[in-house]
Amino acid sequence: MSKFLIAPAALMMALALAACGGDAPAGGGTPPADTSTPATTPPPAEPAPATPSP
């Protein structure tokens, strides 16, 4: 009787390993951030208005 239980159990374990053991897809996930140049802010389009002195 144990032979009849071992064969299906072995088949289920083999299928579980095949389902969970796959490789990650190529190009999956987010690409790495480009850190070759630092981020800079552009200068303002027009200068801020001067505040009157008291």
Protein backbone atom coordinates (compact mmCIF):
# COMPACT_ATOMS: atom_id res chain seq x y z
CA MET A 1 0.00 0.00 0.00
CA SER A 2 2.86 2.41 0.69
CA LYS A 3 3.97 2.13 -2.97
CA PHE A 4 0.61 3.55 -4.03
CA LEU A 5 1.12 6.54 -1.74
CA ILE A 6 4.79 7.18 -2.55
CA ALA A 7 4.38 7.48 -6.32
CA PRO A 8 1.72 10.25 -6.26
CA ALA A 9 3.60 12.06 -3.49
CA ALA A 10 6.81 11.98 -5.53
CA LEU A 11 4.94 13.24 -8.59
CA MET A 12 3.41 16.10 -6.61
CA MET A 13 6.80 17.08 -5.19
CA ALA A 14 8.37 17.05 -8.66
CA LEU A 15 5.59 19.25 -10.05
CA ALA A 16 5.91 21.65 -7.11
CA LEU A 17 9.65 22.00 -7.69
CA ALA A 18 9.11 22.57 -11.40
CA ALA A 19 6.49 25.25 -10.72
CA CYS A 20 8.51 27.15 -8.10
CA GLY A 21 12.02 26.70 -9.45
CA GLY A 22 11.78 28.75 -12.65
CA ASP A 23 14.26 31.44 -13.63
CA ALA A 24 13.41 35.12 -13.38
CA PRO A 25 12.26 36.60 -16.69
CA ALA A 26 14.87 38.57 -18.62
CA GLY A 27 14.45 42.30 -18.17
CA GLY A 28 11.98 41.93 -15.34
CA GLY A 29 11.82 44.48 -12.58
CA THR A 30 12.80 48.11 -12.57
CA PRO A 31 15.92 49.31 -14.37
CA PRO A 32 18.74 50.72 -12.24
CA ALA A 33 18.80 54.47 -11.69
CA ASP A 34 21.24 56.51 -13.77
CA THR A 35 23.70 58.01 -11.30
CA SER A 36 26.34 59.13 -13.80
CA THR A 37 25.41 62.83 -13.58
CA PRO A 38 24.09 64.67 -10.54
CA ALA A 39 20.67 66.20 -10.72
CA THR A 40 20.66 69.99 -11.09
CA THR A 41 17.82 72.47 -10.92
CA PRO A 42 17.47 74.99 -13.74
CA PRO A 43 17.74 78.71 -12.90
CA PRO A 44 14.44 80.54 -12.37
CA ALA A 45 12.82 82.01 -15.48
CA GLU A 46 12.60 85.51 -14.00
CA PRO A 47 14.15 86.98 -10.89
CA ALA A 48 12.05 87.35 -7.77
CA PRO A 49 10.71 90.88 -7.15
CA ALA A 50 12.74 92.98 -4.77
CA THR A 51 11.20 93.74 -1.41
CA PRO A 52 11.00 97.43 -0.53
CA SER A 53 13.21 98.48 2.32
CA PRO A 54 11.45 100.24 5.25
